[in-house]
């Protein structure tokens, strides 16, 4: 049985990486934003469910452990406990790892504490849980993730036992890629050694800005996850507490990869998009958002069609053009 030794230490994120990411963000568009205080849905003080999403957020597991005791689960809370920096929310309501041994999973108003007494002798004393949300990065590249966090964690004799990580998926959560561009490096008790990507050792609020790999660009089934690993013996510590998430991307410059430009041309003219055919007459023009929702469906009958974009919000759309000869051509457009 290892001895718990919570070490409070502060390490700055790489300044050069932050500056580069901040410069990139200046030309980016916000894809997803969440502060858990009502800017994107209402978040009750309850556990994130494995099956029923709370404004898109799910957990990997909410199963009880160790003789049906619920321990170390994700929840939303604005509870402050006497100013204890380990377990405080960051701003208003935050997402964090909470509930200690003996809690019922649906008790409201719990703070973000991780706690355990002596482990059962016949069971591994180890918890790992994920909180994740899905949205589309379709139409965007250079994806960055910015968020505020705190996580005291635990380190003993050079091994990190309690820590958070950031992970992304492009197949709806079937497989995950752990980010190692932010956080800190270290050797963990269960998962090996990492050059970065571990979040621990900071009771104060920190800001991370991550640049995701190119494989995360232009993905309709993208998911962002925060994982907390807990492997402690005694004591009460703060879990991985998250707030003020902003995911940004640069709109992809639209090409003609899925359209024969010699037949159909699309260009912007003032507040309108002009669709021109050099071959058959245009029969029908349909406009969709990136979720597949039909926004416009108009018939034409000649070789030119003007689409008024006045009522459209800035963003990326799918324009489908059907010619009278039966051809259907699709292109992304950006307002």
Protein backbone atom coordinates (compact mmCIF):
# COMPACT_ATOMS: atom_id res chain seq x y z
CA UNK A 1 0.00 0.00 0.00
CA UNK A 2 1.54 3.27 -1.03
CA UNK A 3 1.45 6.32 1.13
CA UNK A 4 -0.43 9.37 -0.10
CA UNK A 5 1.69 12.45 -0.42
CA UNK A 6 -0.14 15.37 -2.04
CA UNK A 7 2.49 17.74 -3.29
CA UNK A 8 1.37 21.24 -4.15
CA UNK A 9 3.49 22.59 -6.92
CA UNK A 10 2.87 24.87 -9.85
CA UNK A 11 4.29 24.49 -13.32
CA UNK A 12 3.66 26.95 -16.10
CA UNK A 13 2.43 25.75 -19.46
CA UNK A 14 4.90 26.24 -22.27
CA UNK A 15 4.72 29.96 -23.01
CA UNK A 16 5.73 29.63 -26.62
CA UNK A 17 3.00 27.07 -27.28
CA UNK A 18 0.39 29.32 -25.70
CA UNK A 19 1.49 32.34 -27.73
CA UNK A 20 1.40 30.35 -30.96
CA UNK A 21 -2.05 28.97 -30.17
CA UNK A 22 -3.37 32.41 -29.20
CA UNK A 23 -2.09 33.87 -32.46
CA UNK A 24 -3.82 31.09 -34.36
CA UNK A 25 -7.08 31.72 -32.49
CA UNK A 26 -7.26 35.29 -33.80
CA UNK A 27 -8.30 34.06 -37.26
CA UNK A 28 -10.49 31.24 -35.99
CA UNK A 29 -14.20 30.67 -35.54
CA UNK A 30 -15.73 29.27 -32.36
CA UNK A 31 -17.09 25.78 -33.05
CA UNK A 32 -18.16 24.87 -29.52
CA UNK A 33 -18.26 26.83 -26.27
CA UNK A 34 -19.30 25.82 -22.78
CA UNK A 35 -19.02 27.40 -19.33
CA UNK A 36 -21.71 25.24 -17.65
CA UNK A 37 -23.53 28.36 -16.43
CA UNK A 38 -26.23 28.52 -19.08
CA UNK A 39 -24.48 29.74 -22.22
CA UNK A 40 -25.16 26.39 -23.90
CA UNK A 41 -27.91 24.61 -21.99
CA UNK A 42 -28.80 24.20 -18.32
CA UNK A 43 -26.66 21.93 -16.14
CA UNK A 44 -28.25 20.56 -12.96
CA UNK A 45 -26.02 19.48 -10.14
CA UNK A 46 -26.04 15.81 -11.00
CA UNK A 47 -23.78 13.06 -12.27
CA UNK A 48 -23.05 12.84 -15.97
CA UNK A 49 -24.84 9.72 -17.22
CA UNK A 50 -23.33 6.96 -19.31
CA UNK A 51 -26.48 6.71 -21.42
CA UNK A 52 -28.55 9.89 -21.10
CA UNK A 53 -26.75 13.01 -22.27
CA UNK A 54 -26.94 16.25 -20.30
CA UNK A 55 -26.68 18.89 -23.01
CA UNK A 56 -24.53 16.50 -24.99
CA UNK A 57 -22.29 15.39 -22.10
CA UNK A 58 -21.90 11.71 -21.22
CA UNK A 59 -19.69 9.69 -18.89
CA UNK A 60 -17.84 6.50 -19.70
CA UNK A 61 -19.24 4.84 -16.59
CA UNK A 62 -21.30 5.66 -13.52
CA UNK A 63 -21.19 2.18 -12.01
CA UNK A 64 -20.76 1.77 -8.24
CA UNK A 65 -17.53 0.31 -6.95
CA UNK A 66 -16.51 -1.70 -3.91
CA UNK A 67 -19.68 -3.18 -2.40
CA UNK A 68 -22.02 -0.83 -4.29
CA UNK A 69 -20.30 2.33 -3.06
CA UNK A 70 -20.34 5.20 -5.56
CA UNK A 71 -16.97 6.90 -5.72
CA UNK A 72 -15.22 9.44 -7.94
CA UNK A 73 -17.89 10.41 -10.47
CA UNK A 74 -18.23 13.39 -12.80
CA UNK A 75 -20.77 16.03 -11.86
CA UNK A 76 -21.63 19.70 -12.26
CA UNK A 77 -21.29 21.83 -9.17
CA UNK A 78 -21.01 25.40 -7.95
CA UNK A 79 -20.49 24.36 -4.32
CA UNK A 80 -17.64 26.05 -2.47
CA UNK A 81 -16.39 24.50 0.76
CA UNK A 82 -14.88 27.14 2.95
CA UNK A 83 -12.56 28.38 0.22
CA UNK A 84 -10.68 25.08 -0.07
CA UNK A 85 -8.78 25.58 -3.36
CA UNK A 86 -8.54 21.85 -4.03
CA UNK A 87 -12.27 21.32 -4.47
CA UNK A 88 -13.59 24.75 -5.53
CA UNK A 89 -15.37 25.27 -8.85
CA UNK A 90 -13.53 27.59 -11.21
CA UNK A 91 -16.27 30.08 -12.11
CA UNK A 92 -19.90 29.61 -11.18
CA UNK A 93 -20.71 26.02 -12.06
CA UNK A 94 -17.93 23.75 -13.33
CA UNK A 95 -17.56 20.17 -14.49
CA UNK A 96 -15.44 18.07 -12.17
CA UNK A 97 -14.65 14.80 -10.50
CA UNK A 98 -16.55 14.59 -7.25
CA UNK A 99 -18.32 12.45 -4.65
CA UNK A 100 -16.40 10.52 -2.06
CA UNK A 101 -16.95 7.16 -0.45
CA UNK A 102 -20.45 6.65 0.91
CA UNK A 103 -22.25 9.11 -1.38
CA UNK A 104 -25.41 8.19 -3.14
CA UNK A 105 -24.88 9.11 -6.82
CA UNK A 106 -27.85 11.45 -6.94
CA UNK A 107 -27.20 13.55 -3.88
CA UNK A 108 -27.20 17.19 -4.94
CA UNK A 109 -24.77 19.93 -3.97
CA UNK A 110 -21.53 18.02 -3.67
CA UNK A 111 -18.10 19.54 -4.02
CA UNK A 112 -15.26 18.22 -6.19
CA UNK A 113 -13.45 15.97 -3.72
CA UNK A 114 -11.80 12.62 -4.32
CA UNK A 115 -11.50 10.55 -1.19
CA UNK A 116 -11.03 6.95 -0.19
CA UNK A 117 -10.30 5.02 2.96
CA UNK A 118 -8.43 1.72 3.11
CA UNK A 119 -9.06 -0.29 -0.08
CA UNK A 120 -10.49 -3.78 0.05
CA UNK A 121 -7.63 -6.27 0.16
CA UNK A 122 -9.10 -8.35 -2.68
CA UNK A 123 -9.67 -5.50 -5.18
CA UNK A 124 -7.50 -3.13 -7.17
CA UNK A 125 -7.84 0.39 -5.81
CA UNK A 126 -8.12 2.26 -9.06
CA UNK A 127 -10.67 4.46 -10.83
CA UNK A 128 -10.68 5.95 -14.31
CA UNK A 129 -13.70 7.77 -15.70
CA UNK A 130 -14.38 9.94 -18.73
CA UNK A 131 -16.71 12.90 -19.32
CA UNK A 132 -17.17 13.64 -23.02
CA UNK A 133 -19.23 15.72 -25.44
CA UNK A 134 -19.80 15.40 -29.18
CA UNK A 135 -20.04 18.01 -31.92
CA UNK A 136 -18.94 18.46 -35.53
CA UNK A 137 -15.67 20.01 -36.73
CA UNK A 138 -16.81 19.61 -40.33
CA UNK A 139 -15.74 22.54 -42.49
CA UNK A 140 -12.91 23.53 -40.12
CA UNK A 141 -9.19 22.88 -39.78
CA UNK A 142 -6.46 23.94 -37.30
CA UNK A 143 -8.67 22.86 -34.40
CA UNK A 144 -7.72 24.25 -30.99
CA UNK A 145 -9.16 23.48 -27.56
CA UNK A 146 -8.94 26.07 -24.80
CA UNK A 147 -10.15 25.43 -21.26
CA UNK A 148 -9.54 26.38 -17.65
CA UNK A 149 -8.67 23.69 -15.14
CA UNK A 150 -7.38 22.80 -11.71
CA UNK A 151 -6.30 19.41 -10.42
CA UNK A 152 -4.13 18.80 -7.38
CA UNK A 153 -3.61 15.12 -8.06
CA UNK A 154 -1.02 13.06 -6.30
CA UNK A 155 2.66 12.35 -6.89
CA UNK A 156 4.84 10.07 -4.78
CA UNK A 157 8.48 9.16 -5.40
CA UNK A 158 8.28 10.45 -8.97
CA UNK A 159 5.14 8.53 -9.90
CA UNK A 160 1.91 10.45 -10.68
CA UNK A 161 -1.09 8.59 -9.26
CA UNK A 162 -4.02 11.00 -9.65
CA UNK A 163 -4.22 13.13 -12.78
CA UNK A 164 -6.40 14.29 -15.67
CA UNK A 165 -5.96 13.94 -19.42
CA UNK A 166 -7.62 15.38 -22.54
CA UNK A 167 -8.70 13.02 -25.28
CA UNK A 168 -10.44 13.26 -28.67
CA UNK A 169 -12.28 10.83 -30.90
CA UNK A 170 -13.40 11.02 -34.55
CA UNK A 171 -15.55 7.87 -34.51
CA UNK A 172 -18.08 8.81 -31.86
CA UNK A 173 -16.02 7.56 -28.95
CA UNK A 174 -15.08 4.06 -30.15
CA UNK A 175 -11.38 4.98 -30.10
CA UNK A 176 -9.58 7.84 -28.38
CA UNK A 177 -6.36 9.79 -28.86
CA UNK A 178 -4.77 11.35 -25.78
CA UNK A 179 -3.37 14.85 -26.25
CA UNK A 180 0.25 15.26 -25.11
CA UNK A 181 0.85 18.85 -26.31
CA UNK A 182 -0.38 20.42 -23.06
CA UNK A 183 -0.25 19.63 -19.39
CA UNK A 184 2.90 18.06 -17.98
CA UNK A 185 5.03 14.99 -18.53
CA UNK A 186 5.46 12.20 -16.05
CA UNK A 187 5.32 8.53 -15.21
CA UNK A 188 1.96 7.21 -14.02
CA UNK A 189 1.07 4.22 -11.91
CA UNK A 190 -1.06 2.53 -14.57
CA UNK A 191 -0.55 3.99 -18.03
CA UNK A 192 3.20 4.47 -18.58
CA UNK A 193 5.38 7.53 -19.20
CA UNK A 194 4.28 10.61 -21.11
CA UNK A 195 6.13 13.62 -22.48
CA UNK A 196 3.09 15.76 -21.74
CA UNK A 197 -0.67 15.67 -21.40
CA UNK A 198 -0.99 15.01 -17.65
CA UNK A 199 -2.93 17.53 -15.57
CA UNK A 200 -2.03 17.56 -11.86
CA UNK A 201 -0.23 19.55 -9.19
CA UNK A 202 -2.14 22.81 -9.57
CA UNK A 203 -4.64 24.02 -6.99
CA UNK A 204 -4.90 27.39 -8.74
CA UNK A 205 -6.83 27.97 -11.95
CA UNK A 206 -4.77 27.23 -15.06
CA UNK A 207 -5.50 27.82 -18.76
CA UNK A 208 -4.58 25.28 -21.41
CA UNK A 209 -4.63 25.87 -25.17
CA UNK A 210 -4.15 22.73 -27.25
CA UNK A 211 -3.66 22.39 -31.01
CA UNK A 212 -5.14 19.13 -32.24
CA UNK A 213 -3.60 16.99 -35.00
CA UNK A 214 -4.79 17.27 -38.60
CA UNK A 215 -6.78 14.06 -38.23
CA UNK A 216 -9.27 16.04 -36.11
CA UNK A 217 -10.03 18.50 -38.93
CA UNK A 218 -13.33 18.35 -40.83
CA UNK A 219 -14.87 15.53 -38.75
CA UNK A 220 -18.67 15.13 -38.41
CA UNK A 221 -18.47 12.72 -35.44
CA UNK A 222 -15.89 14.46 -33.24
CA UNK A 223 -15.88 14.01 -29.45
CA UNK A 224 -13.90 15.81 -26.76
CA UNK A 225 -13.24 14.02 -23.47
CA UNK A 226 -11.73 14.81 -20.09
CA UNK A 227 -10.47 11.76 -18.19
CA UNK A 228 -9.60 11.52 -14.51
CA UNK A 229 -7.50 8.72 -13.03
CA UNK A 230 -7.66 8.22 -9.25
CA UNK A 231 -5.35 5.78 -7.46
CA UNK A 232 -4.96 7.20 -3.97
CA UNK A 233 -4.98 5.64 -0.55
CA UNK A 234 -5.83 8.26 2.04
CA UNK A 235 -6.92 11.86 2.18
CA UNK A 236 -9.17 14.28 0.36
CA UNK A 237 -7.98 15.96 -2.81
CA UNK A 238 -9.42 17.91 -5.67
CA UNK A 239 -10.29 16.08 -8.86
CA UNK A 240 -9.96 17.29 -12.45
CA UNK A 241 -12.12 20.45 -12.55
CA UNK A 242 -12.96 21.95 -15.97
CA UNK A 243 -14.56 25.22 -17.07
CA UNK A 244 -14.78 27.80 -19.89
CA UNK A 245 -14.22 25.42 -22.80
CA UNK A 246 -13.75 27.04 -26.23
CA UNK A 247 -13.11 24.92 -29.34
CA UNK A 248 -12.05 26.92 -32.39
CA UNK A 249 -11.22 26.17 -35.99
CA UNK A 250 -10.23 27.91 -39.18
CA UNK A 251 -12.88 27.64 -41.90
CA UNK A 252 -11.57 25.44 -44.70
CA UNK A 253 -10.99 27.28 -47.95
CA UNK A 254 -13.53 25.69 -50.21
CA UNK A 255 -12.16 23.90 -53.23
CA UNK A 256 -13.74 21.98 -56.07
CA UNK A 257 -12.82 18.49 -54.92
CA UNK A 258 -16.42 17.28 -55.10
CA UNK A 259 -17.60 19.40 -58.03
CA UNK A 260 -16.64 19.54 -61.71
CA UNK A 261 -15.81 23.24 -62.00
CA UNK A 262 -16.05 23.10 -65.79
CA UNK A 263 -19.75 22.36 -65.43
CA UNK A 264 -20.86 24.33 -62.37
CA UNK A 265 -19.31 27.42 -60.83
CA UNK A 266 -20.25 28.96 -57.48
CA UNK A 267 -19.13 32.41 -56.43
CA UNK A 268 -20.23 35.17 -54.11
CA UNK A 269 -21.79 38.36 -55.44
CA UNK A 270 -22.63 40.81 -52.67
CA UNK A 271 -25.08 39.14 -50.31
CA UNK A 272 -25.85 36.34 -52.74
CA UNK A 273 -24.22 33.17 -54.02
CA UNK A 274 -24.38 32.68 -57.77
CA UNK A 275 -24.58 29.15 -59.15
CA UNK A 276 -23.72 28.91 -62.87
CA UNK A 277 -23.83 25.90 -65.16
CA UNK A 278 -21.84 25.74 -68.40
CA UNK A 279 -23.59 22.52 -69.41
CA UNK A 280 -27.24 21.61 -68.75
CA UNK A 281 -29.79 23.87 -67.14
CA UNK A 282 -29.99 23.90 -63.36
CA UNK A 283 -33.06 21.98 -62.23
CA UNK A 284 -32.89 22.35 -58.45
CA UNK A 285 -30.68 23.92 -55.76
CA UNK A 286 -30.71 22.72 -52.14
CA UNK A 287 -28.85 24.17 -49.18
CA UNK A 288 -28.07 22.22 -45.97
CA UNK A 289 -26.28 23.02 -42.75
CA UNK A 290 -23.49 20.71 -41.57
CA UNK A 291 -25.91 18.64 -39.48
CA UNK A 292 -27.82 17.75 -42.67
CA UNK A 293 -30.81 20.01 -42.02
CA UNK A 294 -32.42 21.30 -45.23
CA UNK A 295 -32.50 25.11 -45.21
CA UNK A 296 -33.53 25.88 -48.79
CA UNK A 297 -34.90 23.95 -51.76
CA UNK A 298 -35.59 25.89 -54.96
CA UNK A 299 -36.22 25.05 -58.60
CA UNK A 300 -34.41 26.96 -61.32
CA UNK A 301 -34.90 26.03 -65.01
CA UNK A 302 -31.99 27.96 -66.51
CA UNK A 303 -28.20 28.02 -66.28
CA UNK A 304 -27.92 30.56 -63.48
CA UNK A 305 -29.38 30.68 -59.98
CA UNK A 306 -28.92 33.34 -57.31
CA UNK A 307 -29.12 32.30 -53.66
CA UNK A 308 -29.82 35.14 -51.24
CA UNK A 309 -27.58 34.62 -48.19
CA UNK A 310 -28.94 37.59 -46.22
CA UNK A 311 -30.71 35.44 -43.65
CA UNK A 312 -27.89 32.93 -43.22
CA UNK A 313 -25.62 33.05 -40.21
CA UNK A 314 -21.88 33.06 -40.81
CA UNK A 315 -20.65 29.51 -41.23
CA UNK A 316 -20.19 26.59 -43.60
CA UNK A 317 -23.02 25.06 -45.64
CA UNK A 318 -23.52 22.27 -48.17
CA UNK A 319 -24.88 23.38 -51.56
CA UNK A 320 -26.37 20.65 -53.73
CA UNK A 321 -27.05 21.42 -57.40
CA UNK A 322 -29.12 19.10 -59.60
CA UNK A 323 -28.87 19.57 -63.37
CA UNK A 324 -31.59 18.72 -65.86
CA UNK A 325 -29.35 16.00 -67.33
CA UNK A 326 -29.57 14.15 -64.01
CA UNK A 327 -26.17 15.07 -62.59
CA UNK A 328 -25.98 16.07 -58.92
CA UNK A 329 -23.02 18.15 -57.75
CA UNK A 330 -22.29 19.12 -54.15
CA UNK A 331 -19.99 21.79 -52.76
CA UNK A 332 -19.25 23.42 -49.42
CA UNK A 333 -19.73 27.15 -49.30
CA UNK A 334 -18.85 29.58 -46.54
CA UNK A 335 -20.61 32.82 -45.72
